[in-house]
N, C-alpha and C. Protein backbone atom coordinates (compact mmCIF):
# COMPACT_ATOMS: atom_id res chain seq x y z
N UNK A 1 102.02 77.87 92.49
CA UNK A 1 102.70 78.61 91.43
C UNK A 1 103.97 77.87 91.06
N UNK A 2 104.11 77.63 89.83
CA UNK A 2 105.25 76.86 89.38
C UNK A 2 106.50 77.62 89.47
N UNK A 3 106.49 78.97 89.52
CA UNK A 3 107.73 79.78 89.68
C UNK A 3 108.47 79.30 90.91
N UNK A 4 107.84 78.98 91.99
CA UNK A 4 108.53 78.58 93.17
C UNK A 4 109.34 77.29 92.95
N UNK A 5 108.78 76.35 92.20
CA UNK A 5 109.46 75.14 91.92
C UNK A 5 110.63 75.42 90.99
N UNK A 6 110.43 76.30 90.05
CA UNK A 6 111.47 76.69 89.14
C UNK A 6 112.68 77.38 89.85
N UNK A 7 112.34 78.11 90.83
CA UNK A 7 113.41 78.77 91.62
C UNK A 7 114.04 77.83 92.61
N UNK A 8 113.45 76.67 92.78
CA UNK A 8 114.04 75.68 93.70
C UNK A 8 113.60 75.88 95.13
N UNK A 9 112.51 76.56 95.43
CA UNK A 9 112.07 76.83 96.77
C UNK A 9 111.23 75.67 97.26
N UNK A 10 111.46 75.28 98.50
CA UNK A 10 110.68 74.24 99.13
C UNK A 10 109.40 74.83 99.64
N UNK A 11 108.57 73.99 100.19
CA UNK A 11 107.25 74.39 100.71
C UNK A 11 107.30 75.45 101.79
N UNK A 12 108.30 75.30 102.77
CA UNK A 12 108.38 76.30 103.81
C UNK A 12 108.75 77.71 103.27
N UNK A 13 109.70 77.76 102.42
CA UNK A 13 110.04 78.99 101.81
C UNK A 13 108.97 79.68 101.00
N UNK A 14 108.27 78.84 100.27
CA UNK A 14 107.13 79.23 99.46
C UNK A 14 106.07 79.89 100.40
N UNK A 15 105.84 79.22 101.54
CA UNK A 15 104.76 79.70 102.43
C UNK A 15 105.20 81.09 102.97
N UNK A 16 106.50 81.28 103.35
CA UNK A 16 106.97 82.53 103.79
C UNK A 16 106.79 83.62 102.79
N UNK A 17 107.18 83.27 101.54
CA UNK A 17 107.06 84.37 100.46
C UNK A 17 105.56 84.67 100.21
N UNK A 18 104.74 83.68 100.16
CA UNK A 18 103.30 83.99 99.94
C UNK A 18 102.78 84.83 101.11
N UNK A 19 103.18 84.53 102.37
CA UNK A 19 102.71 85.33 103.48
C UNK A 19 103.20 86.78 103.31
N UNK A 20 104.45 86.95 102.93
CA UNK A 20 104.98 88.31 102.78
C UNK A 20 104.18 89.06 101.59
N UNK A 21 103.93 88.33 100.51
CA UNK A 21 103.15 88.93 99.44
C UNK A 21 101.80 89.36 99.83
N UNK A 22 101.14 88.48 100.62
CA UNK A 22 99.76 88.75 101.10
C UNK A 22 99.77 90.02 102.03
N UNK A 23 100.89 90.30 102.61
CA UNK A 23 100.95 91.45 103.51
C UNK A 23 101.66 92.65 102.86
N UNK A 24 101.67 92.74 101.54
CA UNK A 24 102.12 93.87 100.87
C UNK A 24 103.59 93.92 100.40
N UNK A 25 104.33 92.80 100.50
CA UNK A 25 105.69 92.72 100.02
C UNK A 25 105.81 93.19 98.56
N UNK A 26 106.90 93.76 98.15
CA UNK A 26 107.19 94.11 96.82
C UNK A 26 108.28 93.19 96.25
N UNK A 27 107.97 92.65 95.06
CA UNK A 27 108.93 91.80 94.35
C UNK A 27 109.78 92.67 93.38
N UNK A 28 111.04 92.63 93.52
CA UNK A 28 111.95 93.29 92.58
C UNK A 28 112.74 92.32 91.75
N UNK A 29 112.59 92.34 90.50
CA UNK A 29 113.17 91.42 89.52
C UNK A 29 114.52 92.11 89.05
N UNK A 30 115.60 91.55 89.36
CA UNK A 30 116.95 92.12 89.12
C UNK A 30 117.56 91.76 87.72
N UNK A 31 116.76 91.05 86.89
CA UNK A 31 117.25 90.68 85.59
C UNK A 31 117.19 91.88 84.62
N UNK A 32 117.78 91.75 83.44
CA UNK A 32 117.81 92.77 82.52
C UNK A 32 116.34 93.14 82.01
N UNK A 33 116.14 94.27 81.41
CA UNK A 33 114.84 94.62 80.93
C UNK A 33 114.38 93.56 79.89
N UNK A 34 115.24 93.16 79.03
CA UNK A 34 114.83 92.11 78.00
C UNK A 34 114.38 90.85 78.62
N UNK A 35 115.10 90.34 79.64
CA UNK A 35 114.68 89.15 80.35
C UNK A 35 113.36 89.32 81.05
N UNK A 36 113.21 90.51 81.70
CA UNK A 36 111.93 90.85 82.38
C UNK A 36 110.79 90.79 81.43
N UNK A 37 111.00 91.42 80.24
CA UNK A 37 109.93 91.55 79.18
C UNK A 37 109.55 90.17 78.69
N UNK A 38 110.40 89.14 78.77
CA UNK A 38 110.12 87.85 78.29
C UNK A 38 109.38 87.01 79.32
N UNK A 39 109.14 87.59 80.50
CA UNK A 39 108.31 86.83 81.47
C UNK A 39 108.74 87.22 82.82
N UNK A 40 107.82 87.51 83.71
CA UNK A 40 108.22 87.87 85.04
C UNK A 40 107.09 87.52 86.09
N UNK A 41 107.47 87.59 87.34
CA UNK A 41 106.49 87.32 88.40
C UNK A 41 105.41 88.39 88.36
N UNK A 42 104.13 88.07 88.41
CA UNK A 42 103.06 89.08 88.27
C UNK A 42 103.21 90.22 89.31
N UNK A 43 103.13 91.42 88.93
CA UNK A 43 103.15 92.56 89.76
C UNK A 43 104.64 92.99 90.19
N UNK A 44 105.61 92.24 89.70
CA UNK A 44 107.01 92.60 90.06
C UNK A 44 107.45 93.87 89.38
N UNK A 45 108.42 94.49 89.98
CA UNK A 45 109.10 95.66 89.42
C UNK A 45 110.46 95.30 88.93
N UNK A 46 110.87 95.91 87.82
CA UNK A 46 112.13 95.52 87.25
C UNK A 46 113.21 96.67 87.58
N UNK A 47 114.16 96.28 88.37
CA UNK A 47 115.37 97.14 88.63
C UNK A 47 116.54 96.21 88.46
N UNK A 48 117.19 96.35 87.21
CA UNK A 48 118.31 95.47 86.97
C UNK A 48 119.37 95.57 88.01
N UNK A 49 120.08 94.45 88.24
CA UNK A 49 121.07 94.38 89.35
C UNK A 49 122.07 95.43 89.28
N UNK A 50 122.50 95.87 88.12
CA UNK A 50 123.53 96.92 88.03
C UNK A 50 122.99 98.32 88.38
N UNK A 51 121.68 98.40 88.56
CA UNK A 51 121.08 99.74 88.93
C UNK A 51 120.58 99.70 90.36
N UNK A 52 120.72 98.62 91.08
CA UNK A 52 120.23 98.56 92.48
C UNK A 52 120.71 99.71 93.34
N UNK A 53 122.03 99.91 93.33
CA UNK A 53 122.63 100.97 94.16
C UNK A 53 122.09 102.31 93.81
N UNK A 54 122.01 102.67 92.51
CA UNK A 54 121.58 103.99 92.09
C UNK A 54 120.05 104.13 92.38
N UNK A 55 119.32 103.03 92.54
CA UNK A 55 117.90 103.09 92.81
C UNK A 55 117.52 102.86 94.28
N UNK A 56 118.56 102.94 95.16
CA UNK A 56 118.36 102.58 96.55
C UNK A 56 117.37 103.52 97.21
N UNK A 57 117.34 104.81 96.82
CA UNK A 57 116.35 105.74 97.48
C UNK A 57 114.97 105.31 97.05
N UNK A 58 114.74 104.95 95.82
CA UNK A 58 113.51 104.50 95.32
C UNK A 58 113.09 103.20 96.05
N UNK A 59 113.98 102.37 96.27
CA UNK A 59 113.59 101.06 97.01
C UNK A 59 113.32 101.36 98.44
N UNK A 60 114.08 102.17 99.05
CA UNK A 60 113.78 102.51 100.50
C UNK A 60 112.43 103.18 100.65
N UNK A 61 112.03 104.07 99.66
CA UNK A 61 110.77 104.77 99.66
C UNK A 61 109.57 103.85 99.58
N UNK A 62 109.77 102.62 99.10
CA UNK A 62 108.72 101.66 99.05
C UNK A 62 108.21 101.31 100.43
N UNK A 63 109.09 101.33 101.42
CA UNK A 63 108.84 101.11 102.84
C UNK A 63 108.01 99.84 103.05
N UNK A 64 108.41 98.79 102.38
CA UNK A 64 107.78 97.48 102.50
C UNK A 64 108.79 96.36 102.49
N UNK A 65 108.35 95.23 102.82
CA UNK A 65 109.30 94.05 102.64
C UNK A 65 109.67 93.85 101.24
N UNK A 66 110.86 93.65 100.89
CA UNK A 66 111.30 93.57 99.51
C UNK A 66 111.76 92.08 99.29
N UNK A 67 111.29 91.47 98.20
CA UNK A 67 111.73 90.16 97.84
C UNK A 67 112.44 90.38 96.47
N UNK A 68 113.73 90.05 96.46
CA UNK A 68 114.53 90.17 95.23
C UNK A 68 114.56 88.80 94.49
N UNK A 69 114.27 88.87 93.23
CA UNK A 69 114.36 87.69 92.37
C UNK A 69 115.25 87.91 91.22
């Protein structure tokens, strides 16, 4: 996946993320809705950074490993 190279992740970090995703991790994209709409990691959920605190109950309810991008 080219997104890992774009984010500057090395092979080891990429493997950890792929392992987490294979085991049900959730990706939360913290960019604005407009940025998210212009392209995002497949299956990711958009919760803009300024809304993370107000959405903390929603995030906790996911009860999974969370990867923030």
